[in-house]
Amino acid sequence: MIDAYRGHADAVRANRLAIAAVHAEIATIYDQLVTAEPSLAEEHRTMSDWHRNASDQARSYADLLNGSQN
């Protein structure tokens, strides 16, 4: 039975890591927009920070699911 839960945890972990990667990519795009659209630089920095934070949170959650496999 524990193997079924481990399989589920592994799937959720993989999902969270994928979500983290997407947020990191979006943050990078907003970083590029800071110089591309100087008039909106502050908004782009705010969005970049938000997505970078979301990426960090998703990775932290995935780490919790890693259990004894660290």
PDB file of N, CA and C in Angstrom:
ATOM      1  N   MET A   1       0.819  -1.199   0.000  1.00  0.00           N
ATOM      2  CA  MET A   1       0.000   0.000   0.000  1.00  0.00           C
ATOM      3  C   MET A   1       0.865   1.266   0.000  1.00  0.00           C
ATOM      4  N   ILE A   2       1.972   1.235   0.727  1.00  0.00           N
ATOM      5  CA  ILE A   2       2.829   2.416   0.786  1.00  0.00           C
ATOM      6  C   ILE A   2       3.394   2.760  -0.590  1.00  0.00           C
ATOM      7  N   ASP A   3       3.595   1.741  -1.437  1.00  0.00           N
ATOM      8  CA  ASP A   3       4.105   1.995  -2.788  1.00  0.00           C
ATOM      9  C   ASP A   3       3.132   2.831  -3.610  1.00  0.00           C
ATOM     10  N   ALA A   4       1.844   2.620  -3.404  1.00  0.00           N
ATOM     11  CA  ALA A   4       0.831   3.415  -4.118  1.00  0.00           C
ATOM     12  C   ALA A   4       0.933   4.877  -3.712  1.00  0.00           C
ATOM     13  N   TYR A   5       1.125   5.119  -2.422  1.00  0.00           N
ATOM     14  CA  TYR A   5       1.264   6.499  -1.951  1.00  0.00           C
ATOM     15  C   TYR A   5       2.557   7.110  -2.451  1.00  0.00           C
ATOM     16  N   ARG A   6       3.620   6.317  -2.488  1.00  0.00           N
ATOM     17  CA  ARG A   6       4.911   6.823  -2.979  1.00  0.00           C
ATOM     18  C   ARG A   6       4.768   7.201  -4.445  1.00  0.00           C
ATOM     19  N   GLY A   7       4.069   6.359  -5.218  1.00  0.00           N
ATOM     20  CA  GLY A   7       3.854   6.674  -6.630  1.00  0.00           C
ATOM     21  C   GLY A   7       3.077   7.958  -6.817  1.00  0.00           C
ATOM     22  N   HIS A   8       2.068   8.154  -5.973  1.00  0.00           N
ATOM     23  CA  HIS A   8       1.284   9.398  -6.050  1.00  0.00           C
ATOM     24  C   HIS A   8       2.157  10.590  -5.671  1.00  0.00           C
ATOM     25  N   ALA A   9       2.923  10.457  -4.604  1.00  0.00           N
ATOM     26  CA  ALA A   9       3.800  11.548  -4.170  1.00  0.00           C
ATOM     27  C   ALA A   9       4.818  11.874  -5.257  1.00  0.00           C
ATOM     28  N   ASP A  10       5.344  10.856  -5.920  1.00  0.00           N
ATOM     29  CA  ASP A  10       6.306  11.088  -7.004  1.00  0.00           C
ATOM     30  C   ASP A  10       5.661  11.843  -8.160  1.00  0.00           C
ATOM     31  N   ALA A  11       4.415  11.503  -8.479  1.00  0.00           N
ATOM     32  CA  ALA A  11       3.704  12.184  -9.562  1.00  0.00           C
ATOM     33  C   ALA A  11       3.428  13.642  -9.203  1.00  0.00           C
ATOM     34  N   VAL A  12       3.004  13.875  -7.980  1.00  0.00           N
ATOM     35  CA  VAL A  12       2.743  15.248  -7.536  1.00  0.00           C
ATOM     36  C   VAL A  12       4.040  16.047  -7.513  1.00  0.00           C
ATOM     37  N   ARG A  13       5.117  15.409  -7.063  1.00  0.00           N
ATOM     38  CA  ARG A  13       6.427  16.079  -7.028  1.00  0.00           C
ATOM     39  C   ARG A  13       6.842  16.483  -8.440  1.00  0.00           C
ATOM     40  N   ALA A  14       6.713  15.579  -9.392  1.00  0.00           N
ATOM     41  CA  ALA A  14       7.067  15.881 -10.779  1.00  0.00           C
ATOM     42  C   ALA A  14       6.225  17.041 -11.307  1.00  0.00           C
ATOM     43  N   ASN A  15       4.942  17.045 -10.963  1.00  0.00           N
ATOM     44  CA  ASN A  15       4.049  18.133 -11.370  1.00  0.00           C
ATOM     45  C   ASN A  15       4.507  19.464 -10.788  1.00  0.00           C
ATOM     46  N   ARG A  16       4.846  19.466  -9.511  1.00  0.00           N
ATOM     47  CA  ARG A  16       5.298  20.705  -8.856  1.00  0.00           C
ATOM     48  C   ARG A  16       6.597  21.210  -9.457  1.00  0.00           C
ATOM     49  N   LEU A  17       7.494  20.301  -9.798  1.00  0.00           N
ATOM     50  CA  LEU A  17       8.757  20.718 -10.425  1.00  0.00           C
ATOM     51  C   LEU A  17       8.505  21.309 -11.811  1.00  0.00           C
ATOM     52  N   ALA A  18       7.544  20.753 -12.537  1.00  0.00           N
ATOM     53  CA  ALA A  18       7.188  21.306 -13.848  1.00  0.00           C
ATOM     54  C   ALA A  18       6.579  22.699 -13.693  1.00  0.00           C
ATOM     55  N   ILE A  19       5.719  22.859 -12.713  1.00  0.00           N
ATOM     56  CA  ILE A  19       5.118  24.172 -12.441  1.00  0.00           C
ATOM     57  C   ILE A  19       6.201  25.178 -12.063  1.00  0.00           C
ATOM     58  N   ALA A  20       7.147  24.753 -11.245  1.00  0.00           N
ATOM     59  CA  ALA A  20       8.248  25.632 -10.840  1.00  0.00           C
ATOM     60  C   ALA A  20       9.049  26.085 -12.056  1.00  0.00           C
ATOM     61  N   ALA A  21       9.293  25.172 -12.979  1.00  0.00           N
ATOM     62  CA  ALA A  21      10.054  25.511 -14.184  1.00  0.00           C
ATOM     63  C   ALA A  21       9.308  26.534 -15.041  1.00  0.00           C
ATOM     64  N   VAL A  22       8.001  26.376 -15.159  1.00  0.00           N
ATOM     65  CA  VAL A  22       7.205  27.325 -15.940  1.00  0.00           C
ATOM     66  C   VAL A  22       7.251  28.711 -15.293  1.00  0.00           C
ATOM     67  N   HIS A  23       7.086  28.771 -13.976  1.00  0.00           N
ATOM     68  CA  HIS A  23       7.158  30.069 -13.287  1.00  0.00           C
ATOM     69  C   HIS A  23       8.534  30.714 -13.470  1.00  0.00           C
ATOM     70  N   ALA A  24       9.587  29.920 -13.427  1.00  0.00           N
ATOM     71  CA  ALA A  24      10.941  30.453 -13.614  1.00  0.00           C
ATOM     72  C   ALA A  24      11.104  31.022 -15.030  1.00  0.00           C
ATOM     73  N   GLU A  25      10.550  30.328 -16.022  1.00  0.00           N
ATOM     74  CA  GLU A  25      10.620  30.822 -17.401  1.00  0.00           C
ATOM     75  C   GLU A  25       9.853  32.128 -17.558  1.00  0.00           C
ATOM     76  N   ILE A  26       8.689  32.206 -16.946  1.00  0.00           N
ATOM     77  CA  ILE A  26       7.893  33.436 -17.025  1.00  0.00           C
ATOM     78  C   ILE A  26       8.641  34.579 -16.351  1.00  0.00           C
ATOM     79  N   ALA A  27       9.268  34.307 -15.214  1.00  0.00           N
ATOM     80  CA  ALA A  27      10.046  35.344 -14.521  1.00  0.00           C
ATOM     81  C   ALA A  27      11.164  35.868 -15.424  1.00  0.00           C
ATOM     82  N   THR A  28      11.812  34.973 -16.140  1.00  0.00           N
ATOM     83  CA  THR A  28      12.885  35.375 -17.057  1.00  0.00           C
ATOM     84  C   THR A  28      12.345  36.277 -18.162  1.00  0.00           C
ATOM     85  N   ILE A  29      11.174  35.955 -18.663  1.00  0.00           N
ATOM     86  CA  ILE A  29      10.564  36.798 -19.699  1.00  0.00           C
ATOM     87  C   ILE A  29      10.275  38.189 -19.151  1.00  0.00           C
ATOM     88  N   TYR A  30       9.732  38.256 -17.950  1.00  0.00           N
ATOM     89  CA  TYR A  30       9.476  39.568 -17.346  1.00  0.00           C
ATOM     90  C   TYR A  30      10.777  40.329 -17.113  1.00  0.00           C
ATOM     91  N   ASP A  31      11.843  39.629 -16.757  1.00  0.00           N
ATOM     92  CA  ASP A  31      13.147  40.289 -16.606  1.00  0.00           C
ATOM     93  C   ASP A  31      13.573  40.930 -17.923  1.00  0.00           C
ATOM     94  N   GLN A  32      13.348  40.239 -19.015  1.00  0.00           N
ATOM     95  CA  GLN A  32      13.693  40.778 -20.334  1.00  0.00           C
ATOM     96  C   GLN A  32      12.808  41.963 -20.701  1.00  0.00           C
ATOM     97  N   LEU A  33      11.559  41.923 -20.277  1.00  0.00           N
ATOM     98  CA  LEU A  33      10.644  43.025 -20.580  1.00  0.00           C
ATOM     99  C   LEU A  33      11.005  44.310 -19.837  1.00  0.00           C
ATOM    100  N   VAL A  34      11.728  44.176 -18.734  1.00  0.00           N
ATOM    101  CA  VAL A  34      12.153  45.371 -17.984  1.00  0.00           C
ATOM    102  C   VAL A  34      12.935  46.310 -18.893  1.00  0.00           C
ATOM    103  N   THR A  35      13.834  45.760 -19.690  1.00  0.00           N
ATOM    104  CA  THR A  35      14.612  46.616 -20.594  1.00  0.00           C
ATOM    105  C   THR A  35      13.879  46.892 -21.904  1.00  0.00           C
ATOM    106  N   ALA A  36      13.014  45.964 -22.314  1.00  0.00           N
ATOM    107  CA  ALA A  36      12.286  46.145 -23.576  1.00  0.00           C
ATOM    108  C   ALA A  36      11.196  47.210 -23.473  1.00  0.00           C
ATOM    109  N   GLU A  37      10.596  47.322 -22.290  1.00  0.00           N
ATOM    110  CA  GLU A  37       9.530  48.302 -22.059  1.00  0.00           C
ATOM    111  C   GLU A  37       9.837  49.091 -20.789  1.00  0.00           C
ATOM    112  N   PRO A  38      10.764  50.036 -20.875  1.00  0.00           N
ATOM    113  CA  PRO A  38      11.174  50.783 -19.686  1.00  0.00           C
ATOM    114  C   PRO A  38      10.023  51.489 -18.961  1.00  0.00           C
ATOM    115  N   SER A  39       9.014  51.902 -19.710  1.00  0.00           N
ATOM    116  CA  SER A  39       7.904  52.606 -19.065  1.00  0.00           C
ATOM    117  C   SER A  39       7.112  51.682 -18.138  1.00  0.00           C
ATOM    118  N   LEU A  40       7.227  50.384 -18.328  1.00  0.00           N
ATOM    119  CA  LEU A  40       6.525  49.414 -17.489  1.00  0.00           C
ATOM    120  C   LEU A  40       7.496  48.581 -16.643  1.00  0.00           C
ATOM    121  N   ALA A  41       8.712  49.061 -16.512  1.00  0.00           N
ATOM    122  CA  ALA A  41       9.758  48.298 -15.834  1.00  0.00           C
ATOM    123  C   ALA A  41       9.362  47.881 -14.424  1.00  0.00           C
ATOM    124  N   GLU A  42       8.770  48.790 -13.668  1.00  0.00           N
ATOM    125  CA  GLU A  42       8.401  48.451 -12.287  1.00  0.00           C
ATOM    126  C   GLU A  42       7.366  47.330 -12.239  1.00  0.00           C
ATOM    127  N   GLU A  43       6.385  47.399 -13.117  1.00  0.00           N
ATOM    128  CA  GLU A  43       5.373  46.342 -13.164  1.00  0.00           C
ATOM    129  C   GLU A  43       6.002  45.010 -13.573  1.00  0.00           C
ATOM    130  N   HIS A  44       6.911  45.062 -14.545  1.00  0.00           N
ATOM    131  CA  HIS A  44       7.577  43.838 -14.988  1.00  0.00           C
ATOM    132  C   HIS A  44       8.437  43.241 -13.868  1.00  0.00           C
ATOM    133  N   ARG A  45       9.117  44.093 -13.113  1.00  0.00           N
ATOM    134  CA  ARG A  45       9.913  43.595 -11.974  1.00  0.00           C
ATOM    135  C   ARG A  45       9.012  42.948 -10.929  1.00  0.00           C
ATOM    136  N   THR A  46       7.876  43.562 -10.677  1.00  0.00           N
ATOM    137  CA  THR A  46       6.923  43.006  -9.703  1.00  0.00           C
ATOM    138  C   THR A  46       6.441  41.629 -10.158  1.00  0.00           C
ATOM    139  N   MET A  47       6.106  41.512 -11.422  1.00  0.00           N
ATOM    140  CA  MET A  47       5.635  40.229 -11.938  1.00  0.00           C
ATOM    141  C   MET A  47       6.758  39.192 -11.944  1.00  0.00           C
ATOM    142  N   SER A  48       7.963  39.617 -12.269  1.00  0.00           N
ATOM    143  CA  SER A  48       9.103  38.706 -12.235  1.00  0.00           C
ATOM    144  C   SER A  48       9.315  38.179 -10.822  1.00  0.00           C
ATOM    145  N   ASP A  49       9.284  39.070  -9.846  1.00  0.00           N
ATOM    146  CA  ASP A  49       9.446  38.664  -8.444  1.00  0.00           C
ATOM    147  C   ASP A  49       8.339  37.701  -8.027  1.00  0.00           C
ATOM    148  N   TRP A  50       7.106  37.975  -8.447  1.00  0.00           N
ATOM    149  CA  TRP A  50       5.980  37.117  -8.085  1.00  0.00           C
ATOM    150  C   TRP A  50       6.183  35.709  -8.637  1.00  0.00           C
ATOM    151  N   HIS A  51       6.560  35.627  -9.903  1.00  0.00           N
ATOM    152  CA  HIS A  51       6.748  34.314 -10.529  1.00  0.00           C
ATOM    153  C   HIS A  51       7.970  33.591  -9.963  1.00  0.00           C
ATOM    154  N   ARG A  52       9.022  34.326  -9.641  1.00  0.00           N
ATOM    155  CA  ARG A  52      10.192  33.685  -9.041  1.00  0.00           C
ATOM    156  C   ARG A  52       9.829  33.121  -7.664  1.00  0.00           C
ATOM    157  N   ASN A  53       9.042  33.872  -6.911  1.00  0.00           N
ATOM    158  CA  ASN A  53       8.578  33.393  -5.611  1.00  0.00           C
ATOM    159  C   ASN A  53       7.694  32.154  -5.775  1.00  0.00           C
ATOM    160  N   ALA A  54       6.788  32.170  -6.745  1.00  0.00           N
ATOM    161  CA  ALA A  54       5.932  31.013  -6.995  1.00  0.00           C
ATOM    162  C   ALA A  54       6.772  29.796  -7.377  1.00  0.00           C
ATOM    163  N   SER A  55       7.821  30.009  -8.145  1.00  0.00           N
ATOM    164  CA  SER A  55       8.722  28.923  -8.520  1.00  0.00           C
ATOM    165  C   SER A  55       9.405  28.347  -7.282  1.00  0.00           C
ATOM    166  N   ASP A  56       9.905  29.218  -6.424  1.00  0.00           N
ATOM    167  CA  ASP A  56      10.563  28.770  -5.189  1.00  0.00           C
ATOM    168  C   ASP A  56       9.596  27.987  -4.297  1.00  0.00           C
ATOM    169  N   GLN A  57       8.374  28.463  -4.189  1.00  0.00           N
ATOM    170  CA  GLN A  57       7.385  27.767  -3.362  1.00  0.00           C
ATOM    171  C   GLN A  57       7.054  26.390  -3.925  1.00  0.00           C
ATOM    172  N   ALA A  58       6.915  26.293  -5.238  1.00  0.00           N
ATOM    173  CA  ALA A  58       6.608  25.007  -5.862  1.00  0.00           C
ATOM    174  C   ALA A  58       7.765  24.030  -5.660  1.00  0.00           C
ATOM    175  N   ARG A  59       9.001  24.525  -5.767  1.00  0.00           N
ATOM    176  CA  ARG A  59      10.168  23.661  -5.533  1.00  0.00           C
ATOM    177  C   ARG A  59      10.239  23.218  -4.073  1.00  0.00           C
ATOM    178  N   SER A  60       9.923  24.120  -3.167  1.00  0.00           N
ATOM    179  CA  SER A  60       9.931  23.764  -1.743  1.00  0.00           C
ATOM    180  C   SER A  60       8.908  22.675  -1.451  1.00  0.00           C
ATOM    181  N   TYR A  61       7.736  22.798  -2.055  1.00  0.00           N
ATOM    182  CA  TYR A  61       6.701  21.782  -1.874  1.00  0.00           C
ATOM    183  C   TYR A  61       7.167  20.446  -2.446  1.00  0.00           C
ATOM    184  N   ALA A  62       7.798  20.497  -3.614  1.00  0.00           N
ATOM    185  CA  ALA A  62       8.306  19.266  -4.232  1.00  0.00           C
ATOM    186  C   ALA A  62       9.368  18.623  -3.329  1.00  0.00           C
ATOM    187  N   ASP A  63      10.204  19.444  -2.704  1.00  0.00           N
ATOM    188  CA  ASP A  63      11.220  18.913  -1.781  1.00  0.00           C
ATOM    189  C   ASP A  63      10.595  18.203  -0.614  1.00  0.00           C
ATOM    190  N   LEU A  64       9.473  18.705  -0.119  1.00  0.00           N
ATOM    191  CA  LEU A  64       8.786  18.044   0.984  1.00  0.00           C
ATOM    192  C   LEU A  64       8.304  16.659   0.579  1.00  0.00           C
ATOM    193  N   LEU A  65       7.912  16.515  -0.677  1.00  0.00           N
ATOM    194  CA  LEU A  65       7.413  15.234  -1.159  1.00  0.00           C
ATOM    195  C   LEU A  65       8.529  14.231  -1.459  1.00  0.00           C
ATOM    196  N   ASN A  66       9.746  14.733  -1.470  1.00  0.00           N
ATOM    197  CA  ASN A  66      10.880  13.872  -1.771  1.00  0.00           C
ATOM    198  C   ASN A  66      11.134  12.873  -0.641  1.00  0.00           C
ATOM    199  N   GLY A  67      10.716  13.205   0.568  1.00  0.00           N
ATOM    200  CA  GLY A  67      10.844  12.307   1.711  1.00  0.00           C
ATOM    201  C   GLY A  67      12.261  11.854   1.940  1.00  0.00           C
ATOM    202  N   SER A  68      12.437  10.565   2.050  1.00  0.00           N
ATOM    203  CA  SER A  68      13.745  10.010   2.387  1.00  0.00           C
ATOM    204  C   SER A  68      14.654   9.910   1.179  1.00  0.00           C
ATOM    205  N   GLN A  69      14.207  10.354   0.017  1.00  0.00           N
ATOM    206  CA  GLN A  69      15.014  10.263  -1.191  1.00  0.00           C
ATOM    207  C   GLN A  69      15.949  11.455  -1.377  1.00  0.00           C
ATOM    208  N   ASN A  70      16.073  12.333  -0.391  1.00  0.00           N
ATOM    209  CA  ASN A  70      16.945  13.526  -0.517  1.00  0.00           C
ATOM    210  C   ASN A  70      18.361  13.153  -0.834  1.00  0.00           C
TER     211      ASN A  70
END
